Amino acid sequence: MKNTALTETHKALGAKMVPFAGYNMPVSYEGVNIEHETVRKAVGVFDVSHMGEFLVEGPKALELIQKVTTNDASKLTVGKAQYSCMPNETGGIVDDLIIYRIKEETYLLVVNASNIDKDWDHISKYNEAIGADMRNISDDYSLLAIQGPKAVEAMQSLTSVDLASINFYSFVVGDFAGIEHVIISATGYTGSGGFEIYCKNSEVQQVWDKVLEAGASFGIKPIGLAARDTLRLEMGYCLYGNDIDDTTSPFEAGLGWITKFTKEFVNSENLSKEKADGSKRKLVAFQMEERGIPRAGYPILDSEGNQIGKVTSGTMSPSLSKGIGLGYVTMEYSKVDSPIFIQIRINKVPATIVKLPFYKNT
C-alpha cells in the first residue's frame, strides 16, 4: 500500500484512512455530509496525490497524444487543459484523463490512480512507432484540489497570480504558498469551482499548511474521498471502474463530445461506425421517487420487472436529500422522464430518468 506525502498529516487530523487504488487514502474526517456541504457552500481541500502524471515531450509529443486519445489535442494552446479519454482496440475505454499543454512541445497527462501502470503500458505500446519522450512522474508529484465557491477569495493571498482571471480548464505556472513553480489549474471534480494545485512531494506539506491557514476565515476544511464521490455524482461526472471501463464505449457513456473524428486514433474507424449506427445502450442519470439508495450493481428494471440494465454509481445525494444514480440501460428506455425501477434487495423501487446535472448551482 502506497502513501501520499501527507498520509501522516491526515492521520493527525483524525481522518479515517482506507485502501484506495493501491494507496492509503483519507475517506473522511468529520463525515461525508458535513464535508460535502463545506465544498458546496464554502471551500474544502482534498489530497488527491494518488493520481498519475505522465510528461510527454518533444517534436513527436502531439502525434502520440493524438493517436491514443479521442479529443483533438491540436486545439490546445499553452496554458489550456482538455478532458479526453483513451480508447482501446475493442470499443471500450482504457482511461479518462486531462491533458495540459505546458509548453509548445511539453504535455502533462493526468490519469486515474488505479490505471497508472495500464495507461503507461498502453501509451508506450503506440509510442514505439512514434518516438515521443515519455516520463512517468507520478511518484514525485502531489496534487491538491481546493474546491468550492470561496476558493478564489480564500486562496488569493497565497499567490501573485490573479486567480479570478484563470478561466475554466485553463492553468498558470506561478508562485503559490511560497513555492515558485506550481501549476494552478482551474479544474476539478466537484462542480463547485476552484483549483487543482500540482507541486513536488517535497513541497506539498508547506502548500497544505498554508492553504488551511489562508482558508481558515473562509471555513475551509480537509475533505475525504467519500465526499469527492458524492460531489462528482451530483454533477454526473464519470468514475473510471464504475461508469466507464474497458467494456464501455465513449458513445454509450455520453462522451461523444470528446470524440473527434478530425483525426485518426486508436479504434477510430469502429467508433465512427458506432456513432453512425447508434449504440445499443446508454449511460443515464436517474433519481429515486421513493426512499431507497441505489448502489453499483443493482438491477434496473422496466415496469414488468424485466432487467433493462444495471446501476454503475449511486448514493443518497447530500444536496438533494434523495437517492440518485447512474446506470446503463437499453436505448429504448434511455429518454429523459422515462419511469424505471431499481431492484433494492427484494423491493422494486420507482425512479425516473433525469437530465444532468442533478445538482444545479443557484
Protein backbone atom coordinates (compact mmCIF):
# COMPACT_ATOMS: atom_id res chain seq x y z
CA MET A 1 0.00 0.00 0.00
CA LYS A 2 1.49 3.34 -1.07
CA ASN A 3 1.22 6.51 1.00
CA THR A 4 0.98 10.09 -0.22
CA ALA A 5 3.39 12.67 1.20
CA LEU A 6 0.56 13.82 3.51
CA THR A 7 -0.55 10.48 4.96
CA GLU A 8 0.72 11.23 8.49
CA THR A 9 -0.89 14.69 8.34
CA HIS A 10 -4.27 13.12 7.52
CA LYS A 11 -3.93 10.69 10.42
CA ALA A 12 -3.06 13.57 12.78
CA LEU A 13 -6.23 15.35 11.61
CA GLY A 14 -8.27 12.30 12.60
CA ALA A 15 -9.02 11.10 9.08
CA LYS A 16 -10.47 7.65 8.55
CA MET A 17 -7.94 6.00 6.23
CA VAL A 18 -8.86 3.32 3.68
CA PRO A 19 -7.10 1.48 0.85
CA PHE A 20 -7.98 3.08 -2.49
CA ALA A 21 -6.34 2.36 -5.88
CA GLY A 22 -3.29 0.96 -4.12
CA TYR A 23 -2.93 3.98 -1.82
CA ASN A 24 -3.69 4.63 1.84
CA MET A 25 -6.18 7.50 1.48
CA PRO A 26 -8.42 9.64 3.72
CA VAL A 27 -12.05 8.67 3.08
CA SER A 28 -13.50 11.14 5.60
CA TYR A 29 -12.63 13.45 8.52
CA GLU A 30 -15.88 14.73 10.08
CA GLY A 31 -18.35 12.85 7.90
CA VAL A 32 -19.43 12.85 4.28
CA ASN A 33 -22.44 15.18 4.62
CA ILE A 34 -20.54 17.90 6.50
CA GLU A 35 -17.61 17.71 4.09
CA HIS A 36 -19.90 17.71 1.05
CA GLU A 37 -21.74 20.82 2.27
CA THR A 38 -18.43 22.57 3.00
CA VAL A 39 -17.42 22.25 -0.66
CA ARG A 40 -20.84 23.25 -1.99
CA LYS A 41 -21.09 26.36 0.23
CA ALA A 42 -17.54 27.40 1.18
CA VAL A 43 -14.19 25.76 0.38
CA GLY A 44 -12.51 22.43 1.03
CA VAL A 45 -9.13 20.89 0.25
CA PHE A 46 -8.59 17.32 -0.97
CA ASP A 47 -5.34 15.38 -1.15
CA VAL A 48 -5.64 13.58 -4.50
CA SER A 49 -1.93 12.86 -4.88
CA HIS A 50 -2.72 9.27 -5.83
CA MET A 51 -3.49 10.46 -9.37
CA GLY A 52 -0.91 9.66 -12.04
CA GLU A 53 1.14 12.16 -14.05
CA PHE A 54 2.98 11.48 -17.31
CA LEU A 55 5.12 14.02 -19.17
CA VAL A 56 5.10 13.65 -22.95
CA GLU A 57 7.67 15.87 -24.67
CA GLY A 58 9.47 16.60 -27.90
CA PRO A 59 8.54 17.11 -31.57
CA LYS A 60 6.54 13.85 -31.62
CA ALA A 61 4.55 14.55 -28.43
CA LEU A 62 1.39 15.82 -30.12
CA GLU A 63 1.41 12.99 -32.67
CA LEU A 64 1.44 10.41 -29.85
CA ILE A 65 -1.31 12.15 -27.88
CA GLN A 66 -3.48 12.45 -30.99
CA LYS A 67 -3.05 8.72 -31.64
CA VAL A 68 -4.01 7.49 -28.16
CA THR A 69 -6.77 9.98 -27.20
CA THR A 70 -10.19 10.75 -28.68
CA ASN A 71 -10.29 14.53 -28.26
CA ASP A 72 -8.41 16.85 -30.62
CA ALA A 73 -5.29 17.88 -28.67
CA SER A 74 -4.12 20.06 -31.60
CA LYS A 75 -6.66 22.62 -30.37
CA LEU A 76 -4.75 23.01 -27.08
CA THR A 77 -2.67 26.15 -26.66
CA VAL A 78 -0.09 26.63 -23.90
CA GLY A 79 -1.97 27.26 -20.64
CA LYS A 80 -5.04 25.22 -21.60
CA ALA A 81 -6.27 21.84 -20.42
CA GLN A 82 -8.54 19.31 -22.12
CA TYR A 83 -10.69 16.43 -20.92
CA SER A 84 -10.26 13.33 -23.06
CA CYS A 85 -10.26 9.54 -23.00
CA MET A 86 -8.08 6.76 -24.34
CA PRO A 87 -9.97 4.17 -26.39
CA ASN A 88 -8.86 0.55 -26.53
CA GLU A 89 -8.84 -1.67 -29.61
CA THR A 90 -12.16 -3.36 -28.79
CA GLY A 91 -14.52 -0.39 -28.40
CA GLY A 92 -14.01 0.33 -24.70
CA ILE A 93 -12.07 2.93 -22.71
CA VAL A 94 -8.58 2.42 -21.27
CA ASP A 95 -8.97 5.52 -19.08
CA ASP A 96 -10.24 9.08 -19.00
CA LEU A 97 -7.70 11.81 -18.40
CA ILE A 98 -6.84 15.51 -18.51
CA ILE A 99 -4.19 16.79 -20.92
CA TYR A 100 -2.30 20.01 -20.13
CA ARG A 101 -0.17 21.81 -22.70
CA ILE A 102 2.68 23.10 -20.53
CA LYS A 103 4.97 24.34 -23.33
CA GLU A 104 4.88 24.13 -27.13
CA GLU A 105 6.24 20.58 -27.09
CA THR A 106 5.52 19.56 -23.47
CA TYR A 107 2.28 17.97 -22.33
CA LEU A 108 1.18 16.68 -18.92
CA LEU A 109 -1.25 13.76 -18.90
CA VAL A 110 -3.11 13.26 -15.61
CA VAL A 111 -4.59 9.76 -15.30
CA ASN A 112 -6.51 7.76 -12.72
CA ALA A 113 -4.54 6.20 -9.87
CA SER A 114 -5.80 2.67 -10.43
CA ASN A 115 -4.75 2.80 -14.10
CA ILE A 116 -1.23 4.26 -13.91
CA ASP A 117 0.61 1.10 -14.98
CA LYS A 118 -2.05 0.06 -17.51
CA ASP A 119 -2.10 3.54 -19.10
CA TRP A 120 1.70 3.75 -19.23
CA ASP A 121 1.92 0.38 -20.99
CA HIS A 122 -0.87 1.29 -23.43
CA ILE A 123 0.67 4.64 -24.43
CA SER A 124 4.17 3.14 -24.59
CA LYS A 125 2.94 0.44 -27.00
CA TYR A 126 1.85 3.08 -29.50
CA ASN A 127 4.90 5.23 -28.85
CA GLU A 128 7.22 2.52 -30.17
CA ALA A 129 6.40 3.60 -33.72
CA ILE A 130 6.24 7.34 -32.93
CA GLY A 131 9.16 8.07 -30.59
CA ALA A 132 7.98 10.84 -28.27
CA ASP A 133 9.84 11.39 -24.99
CA MET A 134 7.83 9.97 -22.08
CA ARG A 135 8.37 10.21 -18.33
CA ASN A 136 6.22 8.80 -15.54
CA ILE A 137 6.50 11.40 -12.76
CA SER A 138 3.58 10.05 -10.68
CA ASP A 139 5.72 9.17 -7.65
CA ASP A 140 7.38 12.60 -7.49
CA TYR A 141 4.37 14.90 -7.62
CA SER A 142 1.45 15.71 -5.34
CA LEU A 143 -1.96 17.08 -6.24
CA LEU A 144 -4.28 19.13 -4.02
CA ALA A 145 -7.81 20.06 -5.09
CA ILE A 146 -9.05 23.29 -3.49
CA GLN A 147 -12.76 23.31 -4.33
CA GLY A 148 -15.79 25.46 -3.57
CA PRO A 149 -17.34 28.86 -4.32
CA LYS A 150 -14.98 30.66 -1.91
CA ALA A 151 -11.79 29.10 -3.33
CA VAL A 152 -10.67 32.17 -5.29
CA GLU A 153 -11.21 34.58 -2.41
CA ALA A 154 -9.70 32.25 0.17
CA MET A 155 -6.52 31.45 -1.79
CA GLN A 156 -5.73 34.83 -3.41
CA SER A 157 -3.40 35.87 -0.57
CA LEU A 158 -1.12 32.88 -1.37
CA THR A 159 -0.18 33.95 -4.90
CA SER A 160 0.67 36.90 -7.12
CA VAL A 161 -1.42 35.28 -9.87
CA ASP A 162 -4.91 36.77 -10.33
CA LEU A 163 -6.90 33.61 -9.58
CA ALA A 164 -10.21 35.08 -10.75
CA SER A 165 -8.72 35.56 -14.24
CA ILE A 166 -7.94 31.85 -14.76
CA ASN A 167 -10.75 30.52 -16.92
CA PHE A 168 -12.22 27.02 -16.53
CA TYR A 169 -9.86 24.40 -17.97
CA SER A 170 -7.01 26.89 -18.07
CA PHE A 171 -3.92 26.99 -15.87
CA VAL A 172 -0.95 29.13 -14.86
CA VAL A 173 2.52 28.05 -13.76
CA GLY A 174 3.27 30.51 -10.97
CA ASP A 175 4.03 31.09 -7.32
CA PHE A 176 1.73 29.63 -4.69
CA ALA A 177 2.10 29.28 -0.91
CA GLY A 178 5.75 30.31 -1.05
CA ILE A 179 6.67 27.81 -3.80
CA GLU A 180 7.90 29.32 -7.08
CA HIS A 181 6.79 26.93 -9.83
CA VAL A 182 3.38 25.41 -9.15
CA ILE A 183 0.66 24.50 -11.64
CA ILE A 184 -2.53 26.34 -10.64
CA SER A 185 -5.32 24.79 -12.69
CA ALA A 186 -8.97 25.89 -12.82
CA THR A 187 -10.20 22.31 -12.93
CA GLY A 188 -11.92 19.97 -10.50
CA TYR A 189 -14.26 17.04 -9.97
CA THR A 190 -16.92 18.70 -7.81
CA GLY A 191 -18.91 21.18 -9.90
CA SER A 192 -18.41 23.93 -7.31
CA GLY A 193 -15.43 25.71 -8.86
CA GLY A 194 -11.92 26.04 -7.51
CA PHE A 195 -8.41 24.90 -8.38
CA GLU A 196 -6.09 21.95 -8.55
CA ILE A 197 -2.50 22.50 -7.43
CA TYR A 198 0.37 20.36 -8.75
CA CYS A 199 3.63 20.52 -6.82
CA LYS A 200 6.54 18.30 -5.82
CA ASN A 201 6.16 15.87 -2.91
CA SER A 202 8.84 17.82 -1.05
CA GLU A 203 6.72 20.99 -1.30
CA VAL A 204 3.21 19.72 -0.60
CA GLN A 205 3.33 19.87 3.22
CA GLN A 206 4.10 23.60 3.07
CA VAL A 207 1.34 24.14 0.50
CA TRP A 208 -1.20 22.12 2.54
CA ASP A 209 -0.42 24.02 5.75
CA LYS A 210 -0.63 27.43 4.09
CA VAL A 211 -3.86 26.54 2.27
CA LEU A 212 -5.55 25.61 5.57
CA GLU A 213 -4.16 28.74 7.23
CA ALA A 214 -5.27 31.09 4.43
CA GLY A 215 -8.70 29.44 4.20
CA ALA A 216 -9.40 29.34 7.95
CA SER A 217 -11.51 32.50 7.99
CA PHE A 218 -13.49 31.18 4.99
CA GLY A 219 -14.42 27.93 6.74
CA ILE A 220 -12.01 25.66 4.88
CA LYS A 221 -11.88 22.00 5.90
CA PRO A 222 -9.96 18.95 4.70
CA ILE A 223 -12.24 16.74 2.60
CA GLY A 224 -12.07 12.98 2.06
CA LEU A 225 -12.74 10.70 -0.89
CA ALA A 226 -16.30 9.86 0.23
CA ALA A 227 -17.44 13.47 -0.29
CA ARG A 228 -15.44 13.64 -3.52
CA ASP A 229 -17.61 10.79 -4.78
CA THR A 230 -20.95 12.32 -3.75
CA LEU A 231 -19.91 15.69 -5.21
CA ARG A 232 -18.90 14.22 -8.59
CA LEU A 233 -22.02 12.05 -8.73
CA GLU A 234 -24.32 15.05 -8.21
CA MET A 235 -22.71 16.50 -11.36
CA GLY A 236 -22.91 13.23 -13.27
CA TYR A 237 -19.14 13.01 -13.77
CA CYS A 238 -17.99 9.52 -14.74
CA LEU A 239 -15.85 7.47 -12.37
CA TYR A 240 -13.50 5.04 -14.08
CA GLY A 241 -14.13 1.47 -12.97
CA ASN A 242 -17.80 2.25 -12.26
CA ASP A 243 -19.39 4.26 -15.08
CA ILE A 244 -16.71 3.73 -17.72
CA ASP A 245 -14.24 0.89 -18.23
CA ASP A 246 -12.67 -1.38 -20.85
CA THR A 247 -16.13 -2.56 -21.96
CA THR A 248 -17.96 0.80 -22.29
CA SER A 249 -17.64 2.89 -25.44
CA PRO A 250 -17.35 6.70 -25.35
CA PHE A 251 -20.72 6.96 -27.10
CA GLU A 252 -22.51 4.67 -24.65
CA ALA A 253 -21.03 6.74 -21.81
CA GLY A 254 -22.17 10.09 -23.23
CA LEU A 255 -18.60 11.08 -24.13
CA GLY A 256 -19.27 11.66 -27.81
CA TRP A 257 -18.45 15.34 -27.19
CA ILE A 258 -14.80 14.44 -26.56
CA THR A 259 -14.62 12.00 -29.50
CA LYS A 260 -13.40 13.92 -32.57
CA PHE A 261 -13.08 12.28 -35.96
CA THR A 262 -11.00 15.14 -37.37
CA LYS A 263 -8.02 12.76 -36.93
CA GLU A 264 -7.26 9.06 -36.74
CA PHE A 265 -6.84 7.49 -33.32
CA VAL A 266 -6.92 4.03 -31.78
CA ASN A 267 -10.07 2.22 -32.99
CA SER A 268 -11.44 5.41 -34.57
CA GLU A 269 -12.83 3.53 -37.58
CA ASN A 270 -15.01 1.25 -35.44
CA LEU A 271 -16.08 4.10 -33.15
CA SER A 272 -17.06 6.17 -36.18
CA LYS A 273 -19.24 3.29 -37.34
CA GLU A 274 -20.83 3.07 -33.87
CA LYS A 275 -21.61 6.78 -34.00
CA ALA A 276 -23.31 6.35 -37.38
CA ASP A 277 -25.22 3.16 -36.47
CA GLY A 278 -26.08 4.15 -32.89
CA SER A 279 -25.25 2.42 -29.61
CA LYS A 280 -27.32 -0.39 -28.12
CA ARG A 281 -27.23 1.02 -24.59
CA LYS A 282 -26.68 4.35 -22.89
CA LEU A 283 -25.47 5.70 -19.55
CA VAL A 284 -28.39 7.54 -17.93
CA ALA A 285 -28.95 9.53 -14.76
CA PHE A 286 -31.90 8.74 -12.52
CA GLN A 287 -33.39 9.87 -9.23
CA MET A 288 -35.39 7.77 -6.83
CA GLU A 289 -39.09 8.59 -6.44
CA GLU A 290 -39.38 6.76 -3.10
CA ARG A 291 -37.00 6.02 -0.24
CA GLY A 292 -34.04 3.93 -1.26
CA ILE A 293 -30.35 4.25 -2.02
CA PRO A 294 -29.21 2.81 -5.35
CA ARG A 295 -25.82 1.06 -5.32
CA ALA A 296 -23.45 -0.10 -8.05
CA GLY A 297 -24.56 -3.45 -9.44
CA TYR A 298 -28.26 -3.15 -8.58
CA PRO A 299 -30.52 -4.23 -11.48
CA ILE A 300 -32.53 -1.61 -13.38
CA LEU A 301 -35.99 -2.92 -14.33
CA ASP A 302 -38.90 -1.95 -16.56
CA SER A 303 -42.49 -1.78 -15.29
CA GLU A 304 -42.92 -5.52 -15.96
CA GLY A 305 -39.93 -6.41 -13.83
CA ASN A 306 -37.62 -7.25 -16.74
CA GLN A 307 -33.98 -6.25 -16.32
CA ILE A 308 -33.04 -3.50 -18.78
CA GLY A 309 -29.69 -2.51 -17.28
CA LYS A 310 -27.76 -2.01 -14.07
CA VAL A 311 -26.64 0.75 -11.74
CA THR A 312 -22.98 1.82 -12.05
CA SER A 313 -22.90 4.55 -9.34
CA GLY A 314 -25.42 5.54 -6.70
CA THR A 315 -25.74 7.42 -3.43
CA MET A 316 -28.00 9.45 -1.19
CA SER A 317 -27.46 12.98 -2.51
CA PRO A 318 -26.50 15.29 0.39
CA SER A 319 -27.65 18.35 -1.58
CA LEU A 320 -30.99 16.94 -2.77
CA SER A 321 -31.77 14.53 0.11
CA LYS A 322 -32.83 11.81 -2.31
CA GLY A 323 -31.30 8.76 -3.92
CA ILE A 324 -29.53 9.41 -7.23
CA GLY A 325 -27.56 7.24 -9.58
CA LEU A 326 -26.06 6.49 -12.97
CA GLY A 327 -26.51 3.28 -14.92
CA TYR A 328 -26.61 1.70 -18.35
CA VAL A 329 -29.98 0.87 -19.93
CA THR A 330 -31.05 -0.29 -23.38
CA MET A 331 -31.66 2.64 -25.73
CA GLU A 332 -35.47 2.34 -25.75
CA TYR A 333 -35.56 3.17 -22.02
CA SER A 334 -32.98 5.98 -22.10
CA LYS A 335 -35.18 9.04 -22.70
CA VAL A 336 -35.40 11.73 -20.01
CA ASP A 337 -38.56 11.41 -17.85
CA SER A 338 -38.82 7.66 -18.55
CA PRO A 339 -40.03 5.70 -15.50
CA ILE A 340 -37.76 2.84 -14.38
CA PHE A 341 -37.39 0.71 -11.26
CA ILE A 342 -34.33 -0.11 -9.18
CA GLN A 343 -34.13 -3.55 -7.56
CA ILE A 344 -33.07 -2.85 -3.95
CA ARG A 345 -32.93 -6.23 -2.21
CA ILE A 346 -36.48 -7.63 -2.62
CA ASN A 347 -38.07 -4.26 -3.43
CA LYS A 348 -38.76 -2.76 -6.86
CA VAL A 349 -38.35 0.96 -6.12
CA PRO A 350 -39.60 3.53 -8.70
CA ALA A 351 -37.19 6.03 -10.24
CA THR A 352 -37.17 8.50 -13.12
CA ILE A 353 -34.51 9.19 -15.73
CA VAL A 354 -33.44 12.83 -15.46
CA LYS A 355 -31.17 15.28 -17.22
CA LEU A 356 -27.75 16.01 -15.73
CA PRO A 357 -26.51 17.59 -13.57
CA PHE A 358 -28.53 16.50 -10.54
CA TYR A 359 -27.18 19.49 -8.63
CA LYS A 360 -27.68 22.95 -10.14
CA ASN A 361 -25.74 25.90 -8.76
CA THR A 362 -28.38 28.52 -8.00
